[in-house]
Amino acid sequence: MKQTIIVFTVAVLLPLLGAENNPAAGTWKLNIEKSKLAPGPPPKSATLVIEAQGDSVKMSYEEIEGDDSRVGYGYTATLDGKDYPLTGSSRPDLLRGAETVVLRRNGSRAFGGMFRKSGQVVMTDMTSVSKDAKTLKLIVNGVDAKGKLITLMTVWDKQ
């Protein structure tokens, strides 16, 4: 199973933004060694870019798989509990074709996200940024195409 889940969990990171000096803003690289990505092989690499844009956050994600194929997605959203569209490519694993993301703040350094397809939640995640703003942790929960519960914990280093 591919780790597209990582990509969408990263999308949840955006809720920490919302101000020009948001701790989640910047470029983040996946730390594969510190992450728990089972089941499935990890990607070769993954990059997350988060930008604060007034009250909104713009996020873009790119993942390079073991076979050098690329997956990416992005969105611009506000942490207001409303649905915002996802753009880009995704795989039919954990994200199962998610079309929108809903972001909500959960403290000054944490936020949660829900990814939906046709109004149904297909994945959730919780993102937090360390006090020194150098590490981002993302926990993703979802169900794969076979109905098996999947939980991933990813660690991201600020570049």
C-alpha atoms as a PDB file:
ATOM      1  CA  MET A   1       0.000   0.000   0.000  1.00  0.00           C
ATOM      2  CA  LYS A   2       1.358   3.393  -0.946  1.00  0.00           C
ATOM      3  CA  GLN A   3       1.796   6.132   1.604  1.00  0.00           C
ATOM      4  CA  THR A   4      -0.519   8.668   0.010  1.00  0.00           C
ATOM      5  CA  ILE A   5      -1.974   8.902   3.476  1.00  0.00           C
ATOM      6  CA  ILE A   6       1.045  10.916   4.418  1.00  0.00           C
ATOM      7  CA  VAL A   7       0.192  13.460   1.800  1.00  0.00           C
ATOM      8  CA  PHE A   8      -3.292  14.085   3.061  1.00  0.00           C
ATOM      9  CA  THR A   9      -2.238  14.131   6.651  1.00  0.00           C
ATOM     10  CA  VAL A  10       0.108  16.845   5.719  1.00  0.00           C
ATOM     11  CA  ALA A  11      -2.834  18.794   4.459  1.00  0.00           C
ATOM     12  CA  VAL A  12      -4.079  18.900   7.977  1.00  0.00           C
ATOM     13  CA  LEU A  13      -0.969  20.778   8.957  1.00  0.00           C
ATOM     14  CA  LEU A  14      -2.323  23.890   7.428  1.00  0.00           C
ATOM     15  CA  PRO A  15      -4.657  24.713  10.272  1.00  0.00           C
ATOM     16  CA  LEU A  16      -1.685  25.799  12.320  1.00  0.00           C
ATOM     17  CA  LEU A  17      -1.248  28.571   9.864  1.00  0.00           C
ATOM     18  CA  GLY A  18      -3.577  31.500   9.655  1.00  0.00           C
ATOM     19  CA  ALA A  19      -1.079  34.158  10.682  1.00  0.00           C
ATOM     20  CA  GLU A  20       1.978  35.383   8.840  1.00  0.00           C
ATOM     21  CA  ASN A  21       4.252  33.988  11.575  1.00  0.00           C
ATOM     22  CA  ASN A  22       2.537  30.611  11.814  1.00  0.00           C
ATOM     23  CA  PRO A  23       4.821  27.838  13.167  1.00  0.00           C
ATOM     24  CA  ALA A  24       3.677  25.429  10.418  1.00  0.00           C
ATOM     25  CA  ALA A  25       4.622  27.797   7.578  1.00  0.00           C
ATOM     26  CA  GLY A  26       7.642  26.736   5.539  1.00  0.00           C
ATOM     27  CA  THR A  27       9.067  23.747   3.705  1.00  0.00           C
ATOM     28  CA  TRP A  28       9.013  20.353   5.465  1.00  0.00           C
ATOM     29  CA  LYS A  29      10.775  17.095   4.532  1.00  0.00           C
ATOM     30  CA  LEU A  30       9.503  13.706   5.673  1.00  0.00           C
ATOM     31  CA  ASN A  31      11.844  12.028   8.163  1.00  0.00           C
ATOM     32  CA  ILE A  32      11.317   8.422   7.080  1.00  0.00           C
ATOM     33  CA  GLU A  33      13.488   6.946   9.856  1.00  0.00           C
ATOM     34  CA  LYS A  34      11.436   8.570  12.641  1.00  0.00           C
ATOM     35  CA  SER A  35       8.041   7.879  11.025  1.00  0.00           C
ATOM     36  CA  LYS A  36       5.878   4.775  11.428  1.00  0.00           C
ATOM     37  CA  LEU A  37       4.597   4.071   7.916  1.00  0.00           C
ATOM     38  CA  ALA A  38       3.477   0.440   8.066  1.00  0.00           C
ATOM     39  CA  PRO A  39       1.823  -1.191   6.220  1.00  0.00           C
ATOM     40  CA  GLY A  40       3.486  -0.756   2.896  1.00  0.00           C
ATOM     41  CA  PRO A  41       6.809   0.466   1.622  1.00  0.00           C
ATOM     42  CA  PRO A  42       7.743   4.055   2.487  1.00  0.00           C
ATOM     43  CA  PRO A  43       8.133   6.646  -0.244  1.00  0.00           C
ATOM     44  CA  LYS A  44      11.636   7.652  -1.362  1.00  0.00           C
ATOM     45  CA  SER A  45      10.876  11.171  -0.174  1.00  0.00           C
ATOM     46  CA  ALA A  46       8.072  13.605   0.530  1.00  0.00           C
ATOM     47  CA  THR A  47       7.972  17.396   0.724  1.00  0.00           C
ATOM     48  CA  LEU A  48       5.296  19.638   2.181  1.00  0.00           C
ATOM     49  CA  VAL A  49       5.151  23.396   1.577  1.00  0.00           C
ATOM     50  CA  ILE A  50       2.825  25.510   3.717  1.00  0.00           C
ATOM     51  CA  GLU A  51       2.202  29.222   3.135  1.00  0.00           C
ATOM     52  CA  ALA A  52       0.111  31.622   5.203  1.00  0.00           C
ATOM     53  CA  GLN A  53      -2.141  33.801   3.020  1.00  0.00           C
ATOM     54  CA  GLY A  54      -4.093  36.143   5.269  1.00  0.00           C
ATOM     55  CA  ASP A  55      -6.753  34.034   7.007  1.00  0.00           C
ATOM     56  CA  SER A  56      -6.079  31.115   4.663  1.00  0.00           C
ATOM     57  CA  VAL A  57      -3.359  28.541   4.301  1.00  0.00           C
ATOM     58  CA  LYS A  58      -2.001  27.264   0.997  1.00  0.00           C
ATOM     59  CA  MET A  59      -0.536  23.779   1.105  1.00  0.00           C
ATOM     60  CA  SER A  60       1.218  21.714  -1.552  1.00  0.00           C
ATOM     61  CA  TYR A  61       2.542  18.196  -1.179  1.00  0.00           C
ATOM     62  CA  GLU A  62       4.760  16.034  -3.366  1.00  0.00           C
ATOM     63  CA  GLU A  63       5.740  12.418  -2.761  1.00  0.00           C
ATOM     64  CA  ILE A  64       8.245  10.347  -4.748  1.00  0.00           C
ATOM     65  CA  GLU A  65       7.569   6.610  -4.632  1.00  0.00           C
ATOM     66  CA  GLY A  66      10.064   3.752  -4.773  1.00  0.00           C
ATOM     67  CA  ASP A  67       9.447   3.392  -8.523  1.00  0.00           C
ATOM     68  CA  ASP A  68      10.118   7.158  -9.015  1.00  0.00           C
ATOM     69  CA  SER A  69       6.445   7.909  -9.711  1.00  0.00           C
ATOM     70  CA  ARG A  70       5.168  11.149  -8.211  1.00  0.00           C
ATOM     71  CA  VAL A  71       1.987  11.989  -6.373  1.00  0.00           C
ATOM     72  CA  GLY A  72       1.019  15.477  -5.360  1.00  0.00           C
ATOM     73  CA  TYR A  73      -1.900  17.510  -4.195  1.00  0.00           C
ATOM     74  CA  GLY A  74      -2.720  20.869  -2.752  1.00  0.00           C
ATOM     75  CA  TYR A  75      -5.375  23.123  -1.375  1.00  0.00           C
ATOM     76  CA  THR A  76      -6.092  26.562  -0.004  1.00  0.00           C
ATOM     77  CA  ALA A  77      -8.269  26.469   3.114  1.00  0.00           C
ATOM     78  CA  THR A  78      -9.284  28.407   6.198  1.00  0.00           C
ATOM     79  CA  LEU A  79      -9.502  26.829   9.670  1.00  0.00           C
ATOM     80  CA  ASP A  80     -13.211  27.437   9.874  1.00  0.00           C
ATOM     81  CA  GLY A  81     -14.737  23.945   9.694  1.00  0.00           C
ATOM     82  CA  LYS A  82     -15.896  24.351   6.083  1.00  0.00           C
ATOM     83  CA  ASP A  83     -15.116  22.104   3.100  1.00  0.00           C
ATOM     84  CA  TYR A  84     -12.390  23.252   0.676  1.00  0.00           C
ATOM     85  CA  PRO A  85     -11.487  21.463  -2.584  1.00  0.00           C
ATOM     86  CA  LEU A  86      -8.353  19.354  -3.039  1.00  0.00           C
ATOM     87  CA  THR A  87      -6.453  19.581  -6.323  1.00  0.00           C
ATOM     88  CA  GLY A  88      -3.892  17.226  -7.842  1.00  0.00           C
ATOM     89  CA  SER A  89      -3.441  13.500  -8.047  1.00  0.00           C
ATOM     90  CA  SER A  90      -4.112  10.905  -5.383  1.00  0.00           C
ATOM     91  CA  ARG A  91      -4.226   7.146  -5.183  1.00  0.00           C
ATOM     92  CA  PRO A  92      -7.216   4.997  -4.241  1.00  0.00           C
ATOM     93  CA  ASP A  93      -5.715   3.726  -0.986  1.00  0.00           C
ATOM     94  CA  LEU A  94      -6.435   5.440   2.334  1.00  0.00           C
ATOM     95  CA  LEU A  95      -7.603   8.706   0.820  1.00  0.00           C
ATOM     96  CA  ARG A  96      -9.997   6.833  -1.417  1.00  0.00           C
ATOM     97  CA  GLY A  97     -10.521   9.752  -3.776  1.00  0.00           C
ATOM     98  CA  ALA A  98     -11.011  12.504  -1.193  1.00  0.00           C
ATOM     99  CA  GLU A  99     -12.398  15.655  -2.825  1.00  0.00           C
ATOM    100  CA  THR A 100     -12.442  18.130   0.071  1.00  0.00           C
ATOM    101  CA  VAL A 101     -10.667  18.934   3.325  1.00  0.00           C
ATOM    102  CA  VAL A 102     -12.090  20.487   6.495  1.00  0.00           C
ATOM    103  CA  LEU A 103      -9.623  22.036   8.965  1.00  0.00           C
ATOM    104  CA  ARG A 104     -10.115  22.972  12.622  1.00  0.00           C
ATOM    105  CA  ARG A 105      -7.731  24.434  15.151  1.00  0.00           C
ATOM    106  CA  ASN A 106      -6.975  22.329  18.236  1.00  0.00           C
ATOM    107  CA  GLY A 107      -4.769  24.688  20.262  1.00  0.00           C
ATOM    108  CA  SER A 108      -2.085  27.172  19.267  1.00  0.00           C
ATOM    109  CA  ARG A 109       0.276  24.538  17.800  1.00  0.00           C
ATOM    110  CA  ALA A 110      -2.153  21.797  16.734  1.00  0.00           C
ATOM    111  CA  PHE A 111      -5.029  21.235  14.335  1.00  0.00           C
ATOM    112  CA  GLY A 112      -7.127  18.449  12.916  1.00  0.00           C
ATOM    113  CA  GLY A 113      -8.401  17.650   9.469  1.00  0.00           C
ATOM    114  CA  MET A 114     -11.081  15.556   7.819  1.00  0.00           C
ATOM    115  CA  PHE A 115     -10.902  14.448   4.205  1.00  0.00           C
ATOM    116  CA  ARG A 116     -14.204  13.772   2.496  1.00  0.00           C
ATOM    117  CA  LYS A 117     -15.510  12.182  -0.670  1.00  0.00           C
ATOM    118  CA  SER A 118     -19.153  12.844  -1.562  1.00  0.00           C
ATOM    119  CA  GLY A 119     -19.649  14.187   1.969  1.00  0.00           C
ATOM    120  CA  GLN A 120     -18.355  11.006   3.644  1.00  0.00           C
ATOM    121  CA  VAL A 121     -15.237  11.160   5.845  1.00  0.00           C
ATOM    122  CA  VAL A 122     -12.536   8.875   4.375  1.00  0.00           C
ATOM    123  CA  MET A 123      -9.594   9.958   6.556  1.00  0.00           C
ATOM    124  CA  THR A 124      -8.782  12.108   9.584  1.00  0.00           C
ATOM    125  CA  ASP A 125      -5.528  13.467  10.891  1.00  0.00           C
ATOM    126  CA  MET A 126      -4.056  15.447  13.763  1.00  0.00           C
ATOM    127  CA  THR A 127      -1.045  17.712  13.288  1.00  0.00           C
ATOM    128  CA  SER A 128       1.173  19.368  15.864  1.00  0.00           C
ATOM    129  CA  VAL A 129       4.287  21.528  15.648  1.00  0.00           C
ATOM    130  CA  SER A 130       7.049  21.391  18.275  1.00  0.00           C
ATOM    131  CA  LYS A 131       7.670  24.419  20.508  1.00  0.00           C
ATOM    132  CA  ASP A 132      10.882  25.228  18.610  1.00  0.00           C
ATOM    133  CA  ALA A 133       8.904  24.970  15.310  1.00  0.00           C
ATOM    134  CA  LYS A 134      11.524  22.604  13.809  1.00  0.00           C
ATOM    135  CA  THR A 135       9.494  19.377  13.870  1.00  0.00           C
ATOM    136  CA  LEU A 136       5.997  18.586  12.745  1.00  0.00           C
ATOM    137  CA  LYS A 137       4.185  15.395  13.763  1.00  0.00           C
ATOM    138  CA  LEU A 138       1.184  14.075  11.884  1.00  0.00           C
ATOM    139  CA  ILE A 139      -1.050  11.191  12.975  1.00  0.00           C
ATOM    140  CA  VAL A 140      -3.394   9.825  10.294  1.00  0.00           C
ATOM    141  CA  ASN A 141      -6.358   7.486  10.724  1.00  0.00           C
ATOM    142  CA  GLY A 142      -8.337   5.883   7.948  1.00  0.00           C
ATOM    143  CA  VAL A 143      -9.597   2.668   6.436  1.00  0.00           C
ATOM    144  CA  ASP A 144      -8.076   1.092   3.349  1.00  0.00           C
ATOM    145  CA  ALA A 145     -10.079  -0.245   0.383  1.00  0.00           C
ATOM    146  CA  LYS A 146     -10.402  -3.622   2.148  1.00  0.00           C
ATOM    147  CA  GLY A 147     -11.892  -2.064   5.293  1.00  0.00           C
ATOM    148  CA  LYS A 148      -8.723  -2.438   7.389  1.00  0.00           C
ATOM    149  CA  LEU A 149      -8.027   0.334   9.927  1.00  0.00           C
ATOM    150  CA  ILE A 150      -4.783   2.196   9.237  1.00  0.00           C
ATOM    151  CA  THR A 151      -2.920   4.522  11.592  1.00  0.00           C
ATOM    152  CA  LEU A 152       0.275   6.298  10.510  1.00  0.00           C
ATOM    153  CA  MET A 153       2.571   8.593  12.478  1.00  0.00           C
ATOM    154  CA  THR A 154       4.790  10.823  10.375  1.00  0.00           C
ATOM    155  CA  VAL A 155       7.595  13.128  11.478  1.00  0.00           C
ATOM    156  CA  TRP A 156       8.614  16.117   9.340  1.00  0.00           C
ATOM    157  CA  ASP A 157      11.758  18.264   9.633  1.00  0.00           C
ATOM    158  CA  LYS A 158      11.672  21.968   8.784  1.00  0.00           C
ATOM    159  CA  GLN A 159      14.056  22.937   5.985  1.00  0.00           C
END
